[in-house]
Amino acid sequence: MNTVTKKELIDRIAEKTGEKRVAVKVVVQTFLDEIVEELEQGNRLEFRDFGVFETKNRAHRVAQNPKTLEKVQVPSKRTVKFKPGRMMKNKVSGD
């Protein structure tokens, strides 16, 4: 499995579309910034066939340090959840 960076994606998109790399970089970064901003406001983002991004509140809990077995308080927090869409699931699973 390889790691693909944002720079590599921008280069690929620029090559496929014939657009300048700088213009593609602005569009991609703006898109990502908008996703983060919407999630920050608590909004749900749905991209048909791709997937859904939404925030989820995780409750306060008590965990345990595996080395010392000491109880540790873990505060509640808000996290991002991604649920892949049907098309993505099918492509990734090879169906």
C-alpha atoms as a PDB file:
ATOM      1  CA  MET A   1       0.000   0.000   0.000  1.00  0.00           C
ATOM      2  CA  ASN A   2       1.343   3.428  -0.984  1.00  0.00           C
ATOM      3  CA  THR A   3       0.641   6.802   0.568  1.00  0.00           C
ATOM      4  CA  VAL A   4      -0.560   9.445  -1.869  1.00  0.00           C
ATOM      5  CA  THR A   5       0.023  13.055  -0.850  1.00  0.00           C
ATOM      6  CA  LYS A   6      -2.055  16.109  -1.648  1.00  0.00           C
ATOM      7  CA  LYS A   7       0.771  17.322  -3.905  1.00  0.00           C
ATOM      8  CA  GLU A   8       0.650  14.091  -5.935  1.00  0.00           C
ATOM      9  CA  LEU A   9      -3.124  14.370  -6.311  1.00  0.00           C
ATOM     10  CA  ILE A  10      -2.810  17.980  -7.433  1.00  0.00           C
ATOM     11  CA  ASP A  11      -0.185  16.982 -10.014  1.00  0.00           C
ATOM     12  CA  ARG A  12      -2.425  14.201 -11.356  1.00  0.00           C
ATOM     13  CA  ILE A  13      -5.478  16.435 -11.582  1.00  0.00           C
ATOM     14  CA  ALA A  14      -3.485  19.184 -13.305  1.00  0.00           C
ATOM     15  CA  GLU A  15      -2.168  16.679 -15.842  1.00  0.00           C
ATOM     16  CA  LYS A  16      -5.598  15.134 -16.525  1.00  0.00           C
ATOM     17  CA  THR A  17      -7.418  18.459 -16.842  1.00  0.00           C
ATOM     18  CA  GLY A  18      -4.720  20.498 -18.558  1.00  0.00           C
ATOM     19  CA  GLU A  19      -5.087  23.203 -15.909  1.00  0.00           C
ATOM     20  CA  LYS A  20      -2.110  24.911 -14.298  1.00  0.00           C
ATOM     21  CA  ARG A  21      -0.892  23.249 -11.138  1.00  0.00           C
ATOM     22  CA  VAL A  22      -1.272  26.473  -9.147  1.00  0.00           C
ATOM     23  CA  ALA A  23      -4.953  26.800 -10.128  1.00  0.00           C
ATOM     24  CA  VAL A  24      -5.662  23.176  -9.232  1.00  0.00           C
ATOM     25  CA  LYS A  25      -3.888  23.623  -5.901  1.00  0.00           C
ATOM     26  CA  VAL A  26      -6.119  26.599  -5.049  1.00  0.00           C
ATOM     27  CA  VAL A  27      -9.285  24.669  -5.943  1.00  0.00           C
ATOM     28  CA  VAL A  28      -8.277  21.545  -4.002  1.00  0.00           C
ATOM     29  CA  GLN A  29      -7.205  23.538  -0.920  1.00  0.00           C
ATOM     30  CA  THR A  30     -10.390  25.619  -1.015  1.00  0.00           C
ATOM     31  CA  PHE A  31     -12.469  22.430  -1.274  1.00  0.00           C
ATOM     32  CA  LEU A  32     -10.701  20.893   1.730  1.00  0.00           C
ATOM     33  CA  ASP A  33     -10.994  24.137   3.724  1.00  0.00           C
ATOM     34  CA  GLU A  34     -14.736  24.268   3.036  1.00  0.00           C
ATOM     35  CA  ILE A  35     -15.165  20.674   4.236  1.00  0.00           C
ATOM     36  CA  VAL A  36     -13.354  21.492   7.477  1.00  0.00           C
ATOM     37  CA  GLU A  37     -15.373  24.689   7.953  1.00  0.00           C
ATOM     38  CA  GLU A  38     -18.698  22.892   7.470  1.00  0.00           C
ATOM     39  CA  LEU A  39     -17.710  20.129   9.899  1.00  0.00           C
ATOM     40  CA  GLU A  40     -16.559  22.740  12.399  1.00  0.00           C
ATOM     41  CA  GLN A  41     -20.071  24.247  12.260  1.00  0.00           C
ATOM     42  CA  GLY A  42     -21.548  20.806  12.928  1.00  0.00           C
ATOM     43  CA  ASN A  43     -22.903  20.314   9.409  1.00  0.00           C
ATOM     44  CA  ARG A  44     -23.122  16.981   7.590  1.00  0.00           C
ATOM     45  CA  LEU A  45     -21.544  16.759   4.114  1.00  0.00           C
ATOM     46  CA  GLU A  46     -22.961  14.238   1.680  1.00  0.00           C
ATOM     47  CA  PHE A  47     -21.298  13.445  -1.646  1.00  0.00           C
ATOM     48  CA  ARG A  48     -23.471  10.991  -3.593  1.00  0.00           C
ATOM     49  CA  ASP A  49     -21.759   7.648  -4.278  1.00  0.00           C
ATOM     50  CA  PHE A  50     -18.593   8.898  -2.533  1.00  0.00           C
ATOM     51  CA  GLY A  51     -19.607   9.128   1.099  1.00  0.00           C
ATOM     52  CA  VAL A  52     -20.750  11.203   4.051  1.00  0.00           C
ATOM     53  CA  PHE A  53     -18.687  13.269   6.484  1.00  0.00           C
ATOM     54  CA  GLU A  54     -20.259  14.149   9.820  1.00  0.00           C
ATOM     55  CA  THR A  55     -19.224  14.989  13.347  1.00  0.00           C
ATOM     56  CA  LYS A  56     -19.903  12.707  16.263  1.00  0.00           C
ATOM     57  CA  ASN A  57     -19.766  13.491  19.966  1.00  0.00           C
ATOM     58  CA  ARG A  58     -17.811  10.989  22.025  1.00  0.00           C
ATOM     59  CA  ALA A  59     -18.867  10.778  25.644  1.00  0.00           C
ATOM     60  CA  HIS A  60     -16.609  11.239  28.649  1.00  0.00           C
ATOM     61  CA  ARG A  61     -15.191   7.899  29.747  1.00  0.00           C
ATOM     62  CA  VAL A  62     -12.742   6.212  32.061  1.00  0.00           C
ATOM     63  CA  ALA A  63      -9.855   4.371  30.399  1.00  0.00           C
ATOM     64  CA  GLN A  64      -6.946   2.411  31.778  1.00  0.00           C
ATOM     65  CA  ASN A  65      -3.219   2.927  31.255  1.00  0.00           C
ATOM     66  CA  PRO A  66      -2.018  -0.484  29.986  1.00  0.00           C
ATOM     67  CA  LYS A  67       1.415  -0.160  31.638  1.00  0.00           C
ATOM     68  CA  THR A  68       0.411   1.003  35.107  1.00  0.00           C
ATOM     69  CA  LEU A  69      -3.238  -0.161  35.080  1.00  0.00           C
ATOM     70  CA  GLU A  70      -4.065   3.278  36.469  1.00  0.00           C
ATOM     71  CA  LYS A  71      -7.548   4.660  35.708  1.00  0.00           C
ATOM     72  CA  VAL A  72      -7.464   7.725  33.469  1.00  0.00           C
ATOM     73  CA  GLN A  73     -10.279  10.206  32.816  1.00  0.00           C
ATOM     74  CA  VAL A  74     -10.834  10.786  29.088  1.00  0.00           C
ATOM     75  CA  PRO A  75     -12.862  13.949  28.412  1.00  0.00           C
ATOM     76  CA  SER A  76     -15.725  14.083  25.915  1.00  0.00           C
ATOM     77  CA  LYS A  77     -14.794  15.326  22.453  1.00  0.00           C
ATOM     78  CA  ARG A  78     -16.156  15.815  18.977  1.00  0.00           C
ATOM     79  CA  THR A  79     -14.668  13.693  16.186  1.00  0.00           C
ATOM     80  CA  VAL A  80     -15.186  13.333  12.436  1.00  0.00           C
ATOM     81  CA  LYS A  81     -16.857  10.239  11.057  1.00  0.00           C
ATOM     82  CA  PHE A  82     -16.728   9.175   7.398  1.00  0.00           C
ATOM     83  CA  LYS A  83     -19.130   6.642   5.959  1.00  0.00           C
ATOM     84  CA  PRO A  84     -18.205   5.515   2.434  1.00  0.00           C
ATOM     85  CA  GLY A  85     -20.868   5.563  -0.265  1.00  0.00           C
ATOM     86  CA  ARG A  86     -22.044   2.597  -2.307  1.00  0.00           C
ATOM     87  CA  MET A  87     -19.827   3.285  -5.337  1.00  0.00           C
ATOM     88  CA  MET A  88     -16.711   3.694  -3.174  1.00  0.00           C
ATOM     89  CA  LYS A  89     -17.495   0.504  -1.230  1.00  0.00           C
ATOM     90  CA  ASN A  90     -17.918  -1.453  -4.479  1.00  0.00           C
ATOM     91  CA  LYS A  91     -14.691  -0.158  -6.037  1.00  0.00           C
ATOM     92  CA  VAL A  92     -12.596  -0.707  -2.926  1.00  0.00           C
ATOM     93  CA  SER A  93     -13.953  -4.208  -2.326  1.00  0.00           C
ATOM     94  CA  GLY A  94     -13.477  -5.147  -5.982  1.00  0.00           C
ATOM     95  CA  ASP A  95     -17.178  -5.827  -6.704  1.00  0.00           C
END
